[in-house]
């Protein structure tokens, strides 16, 4: 999985309760992780892989995001 997708999953995991996915994309764009257009493409890919369902992380997406969190802590 691309590092950008991993960061996006982690961003979704760490988002505030009042934030939506677009807010996460905008925050990562400001941090220069990717452009908004690239972020939307990654978001579509994650939805196609069923890692995001109904604008929330699926069980599989949550497990991968937690693994990514551990990977970045090391």
N, C-alpha and C. Protein backbone atom coordinates (compact mmCIF):
# COMPACT_ATOMS: atom_id res chain seq x y z
N UNK A 1 0.85 -1.17 0.00
CA UNK A 1 0.00 0.00 0.00
C UNK A 1 0.90 1.24 0.00
N UNK A 2 0.51 2.25 -0.77
CA UNK A 2 1.27 3.49 -0.86
C UNK A 2 1.29 4.20 0.49
N UNK A 3 2.37 4.93 0.73
CA UNK A 3 2.50 5.68 1.98
C UNK A 3 1.41 6.73 2.11
N UNK A 4 1.00 7.32 0.98
CA UNK A 4 -0.05 8.33 1.02
C UNK A 4 -1.37 7.74 1.48
N UNK A 5 -1.68 6.54 1.00
CA UNK A 5 -2.91 5.87 1.43
C UNK A 5 -2.85 5.53 2.92
N UNK A 6 -1.68 5.12 3.37
CA UNK A 6 -1.51 4.81 4.79
C UNK A 6 -1.74 6.05 5.64
N UNK A 7 -1.18 7.18 5.20
CA UNK A 7 -1.35 8.42 5.94
C UNK A 7 -2.82 8.84 5.93
N UNK A 8 -3.50 8.64 4.81
CA UNK A 8 -4.93 8.96 4.72
C UNK A 8 -5.73 8.10 5.70
N UNK A 9 -5.46 6.80 5.74
CA UNK A 9 -6.15 5.93 6.70
C UNK A 9 -5.90 6.38 8.13
N UNK A 10 -4.66 6.74 8.42
CA UNK A 10 -4.33 7.21 9.76
C UNK A 10 -5.03 8.53 10.07
N UNK A 11 -5.11 9.41 9.08
CA UNK A 11 -5.82 10.67 9.26
C UNK A 11 -7.29 10.46 9.54
N UNK A 12 -7.89 9.48 8.87
CA UNK A 12 -9.31 9.17 9.10
C UNK A 12 -9.49 8.57 10.50
N UNK A 13 -8.54 7.72 10.89
CA UNK A 13 -8.60 7.13 12.24
C UNK A 13 -8.53 8.22 13.31
N UNK A 14 -7.71 9.23 13.10
CA UNK A 14 -7.45 10.26 14.10
C UNK A 14 -8.36 11.49 13.96
N UNK A 15 -9.29 11.46 13.01
CA UNK A 15 -10.13 12.65 12.80
C UNK A 15 -11.03 12.90 14.00
N UNK A 16 -11.35 14.18 14.18
CA UNK A 16 -12.26 14.56 15.26
C UNK A 16 -13.67 14.12 14.91
N UNK A 17 -14.54 14.03 15.89
CA UNK A 17 -15.89 13.54 15.67
C UNK A 17 -16.70 14.47 14.75
N UNK A 18 -16.41 15.76 14.81
CA UNK A 18 -17.15 16.71 13.99
C UNK A 18 -16.54 16.92 12.61
N UNK A 19 -15.44 16.25 12.30
CA UNK A 19 -14.81 16.36 10.98
C UNK A 19 -15.38 15.32 10.03
N UNK A 20 -15.34 15.66 8.74
CA UNK A 20 -15.74 14.68 7.73
C UNK A 20 -14.51 14.32 6.90
N UNK A 21 -14.69 13.45 5.93
CA UNK A 21 -13.55 12.99 5.13
C UNK A 21 -12.93 14.12 4.32
N UNK A 22 -13.74 15.06 3.88
CA UNK A 22 -13.20 16.19 3.12
C UNK A 22 -12.29 17.05 4.00
N UNK A 23 -12.64 17.20 5.27
CA UNK A 23 -11.79 17.94 6.20
C UNK A 23 -10.43 17.25 6.34
N UNK A 24 -10.44 15.93 6.39
CA UNK A 24 -9.19 15.17 6.50
C UNK A 24 -8.35 15.39 5.24
N UNK A 25 -8.99 15.32 4.08
CA UNK A 25 -8.27 15.54 2.82
C UNK A 25 -7.65 16.94 2.78
N UNK A 26 -8.41 17.93 3.20
CA UNK A 26 -7.90 19.31 3.21
C UNK A 26 -6.73 19.47 4.18
N UNK A 27 -6.83 18.84 5.34
CA UNK A 27 -5.74 18.91 6.33
C UNK A 27 -4.46 18.28 5.78
N UNK A 28 -4.61 17.16 5.09
CA UNK A 28 -3.44 16.49 4.52
C UNK A 28 -2.88 17.25 3.32
N UNK A 29 -3.75 17.95 2.60
CA UNK A 29 -3.27 18.78 1.50
C UNK A 29 -2.43 19.94 2.04
N UNK A 30 -2.89 20.56 3.10
CA UNK A 30 -2.14 21.66 3.72
C UNK A 30 -0.79 21.16 4.23
N UNK A 31 -0.75 19.93 4.71
CA UNK A 31 0.50 19.32 5.20
C UNK A 31 1.39 18.84 4.05
N UNK A 32 0.93 19.04 2.82
CA UNK A 32 1.69 18.68 1.61
C UNK A 32 1.92 17.17 1.47
N UNK A 33 0.98 16.38 2.00
CA UNK A 33 1.05 14.93 1.82
C UNK A 33 0.69 14.58 0.38
N UNK A 34 -0.36 15.23 -0.13
CA UNK A 34 -0.81 15.07 -1.51
C UNK A 34 -1.71 16.24 -1.87
N UNK A 35 -2.04 16.34 -3.16
CA UNK A 35 -2.98 17.38 -3.59
C UNK A 35 -4.40 16.89 -3.29
N UNK A 36 -5.33 17.82 -3.32
CA UNK A 36 -6.73 17.46 -3.07
C UNK A 36 -7.22 16.46 -4.10
N UNK A 37 -6.82 16.66 -5.36
CA UNK A 37 -7.24 15.75 -6.43
C UNK A 37 -6.69 14.34 -6.19
N UNK A 38 -5.41 14.25 -5.81
CA UNK A 38 -4.82 12.94 -5.50
C UNK A 38 -5.52 12.31 -4.30
N UNK A 39 -5.82 13.12 -3.30
CA UNK A 39 -6.49 12.62 -2.11
C UNK A 39 -7.85 12.04 -2.40
N UNK A 40 -8.59 12.70 -3.28
CA UNK A 40 -9.91 12.18 -3.66
C UNK A 40 -9.77 10.86 -4.41
N UNK A 41 -8.72 10.75 -5.22
CA UNK A 41 -8.47 9.49 -5.93
C UNK A 41 -8.16 8.38 -4.93
N UNK A 42 -7.30 8.68 -3.96
CA UNK A 42 -6.97 7.68 -2.93
C UNK A 42 -8.21 7.29 -2.13
N UNK A 43 -9.05 8.26 -1.85
CA UNK A 43 -10.27 7.99 -1.10
C UNK A 43 -11.18 7.04 -1.88
N UNK A 44 -11.32 7.26 -3.18
CA UNK A 44 -12.12 6.37 -4.02
C UNK A 44 -11.54 4.96 -4.03
N UNK A 45 -10.20 4.86 -4.11
CA UNK A 45 -9.55 3.55 -4.11
C UNK A 45 -9.80 2.82 -2.78
N UNK A 46 -9.71 3.55 -1.68
CA UNK A 46 -9.95 2.93 -0.37
C UNK A 46 -11.40 2.47 -0.23
N UNK A 47 -12.32 3.24 -0.79
CA UNK A 47 -13.73 2.84 -0.78
C UNK A 47 -13.94 1.60 -1.65
N UNK A 48 -13.25 1.54 -2.79
CA UNK A 48 -13.37 0.38 -3.69
C UNK A 48 -12.81 -0.88 -3.03
N UNK A 49 -11.81 -0.71 -2.16
CA UNK A 49 -11.22 -1.83 -1.43
C UNK A 49 -12.01 -2.16 -0.16
N UNK A 50 -13.12 -1.45 0.07
CA UNK A 50 -13.99 -1.62 1.23
C UNK A 50 -13.28 -1.37 2.55
N UNK A 51 -12.28 -0.46 2.52
CA UNK A 51 -11.63 -0.05 3.75
C UNK A 51 -12.40 1.11 4.38
N UNK A 52 -13.20 1.80 3.54
CA UNK A 52 -14.08 2.86 4.01
C UNK A 52 -15.48 2.53 3.53
N UNK A 53 -16.42 2.49 4.47
CA UNK A 53 -17.81 2.20 4.16
C UNK A 53 -18.67 3.24 4.87
N UNK A 54 -19.56 3.87 4.14
CA UNK A 54 -20.44 4.90 4.71
C UNK A 54 -19.64 6.02 5.38
N UNK A 55 -18.56 6.41 4.72
CA UNK A 55 -17.68 7.49 5.19
C UNK A 55 -17.05 7.23 6.55
N UNK A 56 -16.92 5.98 6.91
CA UNK A 56 -16.23 5.57 8.14
C UNK A 56 -15.32 4.39 7.80
N UNK A 57 -14.33 4.17 8.63
CA UNK A 57 -13.45 3.02 8.43
C UNK A 57 -14.24 1.73 8.68
N UNK A 58 -14.08 0.78 7.79
CA UNK A 58 -14.67 -0.54 8.00
C UNK A 58 -13.82 -1.27 9.05
N UNK A 59 -14.24 -2.46 9.42
CA UNK A 59 -13.46 -3.24 10.38
C UNK A 59 -12.06 -3.50 9.84
N UNK A 60 -11.99 -3.87 8.56
CA UNK A 60 -10.70 -4.12 7.92
C UNK A 60 -9.88 -2.83 7.85
N UNK A 61 -10.53 -1.72 7.49
CA UNK A 61 -9.85 -0.43 7.41
C UNK A 61 -9.33 0.01 8.77
N UNK A 62 -10.11 -0.22 9.80
CA UNK A 62 -9.70 0.12 11.16
C UNK A 62 -8.48 -0.69 11.58
N UNK A 63 -8.47 -1.98 11.25
CA UNK A 63 -7.34 -2.83 11.60
C UNK A 63 -6.07 -2.37 10.87
N UNK A 64 -6.20 -2.04 9.60
CA UNK A 64 -5.03 -1.58 8.84
C UNK A 64 -4.56 -0.23 9.37
N UNK A 65 -5.48 0.67 9.69
CA UNK A 65 -5.12 1.99 10.22
C UNK A 65 -4.37 1.85 11.55
N UNK A 66 -4.79 0.93 12.39
CA UNK A 66 -4.09 0.72 13.66
C UNK A 66 -2.70 0.13 13.44
N UNK A 67 -2.56 -0.74 12.43
CA UNK A 67 -1.24 -1.26 12.07
C UNK A 67 -0.33 -0.14 11.57
N UNK A 68 -0.90 0.76 10.78
CA UNK A 68 -0.14 1.90 10.26
C UNK A 68 0.30 2.80 11.42
N UNK A 69 -0.58 2.99 12.38
CA UNK A 69 -0.25 3.80 13.54
C UNK A 69 0.95 3.20 14.27
N UNK A 70 0.95 1.90 14.45
CA UNK A 70 2.07 1.24 15.10
C UNK A 70 3.35 1.33 14.26
N UNK A 71 3.19 1.22 12.95
CA UNK A 71 4.33 1.31 12.03
C UNK A 71 5.00 2.68 12.14
N UNK A 72 4.20 3.74 12.25
CA UNK A 72 4.75 5.09 12.32
C UNK A 72 5.31 5.43 13.71
N UNK A 73 4.89 4.70 14.73
CA UNK A 73 5.41 4.94 16.08
C UNK A 73 6.84 4.44 16.22
N UNK A 74 7.20 3.46 15.44
CA UNK A 74 8.53 2.84 15.57
C UNK A 74 9.61 3.73 15.04
